[in-house]
N, C-alpha and C. Protein backbone atom coordinates (compact mmCIF):
# COMPACT_ATOMS: atom_id res chain seq x y z
N GLY A 1 63.24 -47.58 27.83
CA GLY A 1 62.30 -48.25 28.68
C GLY A 1 62.27 -47.64 30.06
N PRO A 2 61.52 -48.24 30.96
CA PRO A 2 61.34 -47.69 32.31
C PRO A 2 62.62 -47.64 33.13
N GLY A 3 63.61 -48.40 32.77
CA GLY A 3 64.87 -48.39 33.50
C GLY A 3 65.76 -47.22 33.16
N ARG A 4 65.30 -46.36 32.24
CA ARG A 4 66.12 -45.23 31.79
C ARG A 4 65.49 -43.88 32.12
N ILE A 5 64.48 -43.87 32.99
CA ILE A 5 63.77 -42.63 33.33
C ILE A 5 64.02 -42.28 34.79
N LEU A 6 64.38 -41.02 35.04
CA LEU A 6 64.52 -40.52 36.40
C LEU A 6 63.46 -39.45 36.63
N MET A 7 62.86 -39.45 37.82
CA MET A 7 61.89 -38.43 38.17
C MET A 7 62.63 -37.17 38.61
N GLY A 8 62.14 -36.04 38.18
CA GLY A 8 62.65 -34.76 38.64
C GLY A 8 61.48 -33.92 39.12
N SER A 9 61.75 -32.97 39.98
CA SER A 9 60.67 -32.12 40.46
C SER A 9 61.09 -30.66 40.35
N ASP A 10 60.14 -29.79 40.49
CA ASP A 10 60.40 -28.35 40.51
C ASP A 10 60.40 -27.84 41.95
N PHE A 11 60.81 -28.69 42.89
CA PHE A 11 60.87 -28.30 44.29
C PHE A 11 61.79 -27.10 44.43
N PRO A 12 61.45 -26.07 45.13
CA PRO A 12 60.34 -25.92 46.06
C PRO A 12 59.07 -25.35 45.44
N LEU A 13 59.06 -25.10 44.13
CA LEU A 13 57.86 -24.54 43.51
C LEU A 13 56.69 -25.51 43.53
N ILE A 14 56.96 -26.76 43.32
CA ILE A 14 55.93 -27.80 43.37
C ILE A 14 56.39 -28.84 44.38
N ALA A 15 55.53 -29.16 45.32
CA ALA A 15 55.88 -30.10 46.39
C ALA A 15 56.24 -31.47 45.83
N GLN A 16 57.25 -32.09 46.43
CA GLN A 16 57.68 -33.41 45.99
C GLN A 16 56.54 -34.42 46.11
N SER A 17 55.72 -34.28 47.15
CA SER A 17 54.59 -35.21 47.32
C SER A 17 53.64 -35.13 46.13
N ARG A 18 53.44 -33.94 45.59
CA ARG A 18 52.57 -33.79 44.42
C ARG A 18 53.20 -34.46 43.20
N GLN A 19 54.50 -34.31 43.04
CA GLN A 19 55.18 -34.95 41.92
C GLN A 19 55.07 -36.47 42.00
N LEU A 20 55.26 -37.02 43.21
CA LEU A 20 55.13 -38.47 43.39
C LEU A 20 53.70 -38.92 43.11
N GLN A 21 52.73 -38.12 43.51
CA GLN A 21 51.33 -38.44 43.25
C GLN A 21 51.07 -38.50 41.74
N GLU A 22 51.68 -37.60 40.99
CA GLU A 22 51.53 -37.60 39.53
C GLU A 22 52.07 -38.89 38.93
N VAL A 23 53.23 -39.33 39.39
CA VAL A 23 53.81 -40.58 38.88
C VAL A 23 52.91 -41.75 39.24
N ARG A 24 52.43 -41.79 40.48
CA ARG A 24 51.58 -42.90 40.92
C ARG A 24 50.26 -42.96 40.17
N SER A 25 49.80 -41.83 39.64
CA SER A 25 48.51 -41.81 38.93
C SER A 25 48.64 -42.24 37.46
N LEU A 26 49.86 -42.43 36.98
CA LEU A 26 50.05 -42.84 35.59
C LEU A 26 49.52 -44.25 35.35
N ASP A 27 49.04 -44.49 34.15
CA ASP A 27 48.53 -45.80 33.77
C ASP A 27 49.71 -46.67 33.31
N LEU A 28 50.52 -47.07 34.30
CA LEU A 28 51.70 -47.89 34.05
C LEU A 28 51.73 -49.02 35.06
N PRO A 29 52.43 -50.11 34.75
CA PRO A 29 52.60 -51.17 35.74
C PRO A 29 53.31 -50.62 36.99
N GLU A 30 52.98 -51.17 38.15
CA GLU A 30 53.59 -50.72 39.41
C GLU A 30 55.11 -50.76 39.36
N GLU A 31 55.68 -51.77 38.74
CA GLU A 31 57.14 -51.88 38.65
C GLU A 31 57.73 -50.65 37.95
N PHE A 32 57.09 -50.18 36.90
CA PHE A 32 57.58 -49.00 36.18
C PHE A 32 57.52 -47.77 37.07
N LYS A 33 56.40 -47.61 37.78
CA LYS A 33 56.24 -46.44 38.65
C LYS A 33 57.27 -46.45 39.78
N GLU A 34 57.57 -47.62 40.32
CA GLU A 34 58.58 -47.73 41.37
C GLU A 34 59.96 -47.36 40.84
N ARG A 35 60.26 -47.80 39.64
CA ARG A 35 61.56 -47.46 39.03
C ARG A 35 61.68 -45.96 38.80
N ILE A 36 60.64 -45.37 38.23
CA ILE A 36 60.67 -43.95 37.91
C ILE A 36 60.75 -43.10 39.17
N SER A 37 60.01 -43.46 40.21
CA SER A 37 59.94 -42.62 41.41
C SER A 37 61.11 -42.80 42.37
N GLY A 38 62.04 -43.66 42.07
CA GLY A 38 63.20 -43.77 42.96
C GLY A 38 64.13 -44.92 42.70
N GLY A 39 63.63 -46.00 42.19
CA GLY A 39 64.46 -47.19 41.98
C GLY A 39 65.61 -46.96 41.02
N ASN A 40 65.34 -46.24 39.93
CA ASN A 40 66.41 -45.98 38.96
C ASN A 40 67.49 -45.08 39.56
N ALA A 41 67.08 -44.07 40.30
CA ALA A 41 68.05 -43.17 40.94
C ALA A 41 68.88 -43.93 41.96
N GLU A 42 68.24 -44.80 42.73
CA GLU A 42 68.97 -45.61 43.71
C GLU A 42 70.02 -46.48 43.02
N ARG A 43 69.61 -47.11 41.94
CA ARG A 43 70.54 -47.97 41.19
C ARG A 43 71.70 -47.15 40.64
N LEU A 44 71.40 -45.98 40.09
CA LEU A 44 72.42 -45.12 39.50
C LEU A 44 73.40 -44.61 40.56
N LEU A 45 72.88 -44.16 41.69
CA LEU A 45 73.72 -43.53 42.72
C LEU A 45 74.42 -44.52 43.64
N PHE A 46 73.73 -45.62 43.96
CA PHE A 46 74.25 -46.52 44.99
C PHE A 46 74.48 -47.95 44.51
N GLY A 47 74.25 -48.20 43.23
CA GLY A 47 74.48 -49.54 42.70
C GLY A 47 73.45 -50.55 43.14
N GLY A 48 72.24 -50.09 43.45
CA GLY A 48 71.18 -51.00 43.87
C GLY A 48 70.73 -51.88 42.73
N SER A 49 69.81 -52.77 43.00
CA SER A 49 69.34 -53.72 42.00
C SER A 49 68.00 -53.35 41.39
N ALA A 50 67.55 -52.12 41.55
CA ALA A 50 66.23 -51.69 41.05
C ALA A 50 66.18 -51.69 39.54
């Protein structure tokens, strides 16, 4: 599910802003996009509640 996906980029070949734009353009609920674009990584690295 959405809680198991981390976003990765090809920075510096592809700008991080472009990668985030790609995630935001997906036909997914906002909660899923927030998790994929940073919430899951925050939870994994810092023990957040995302």
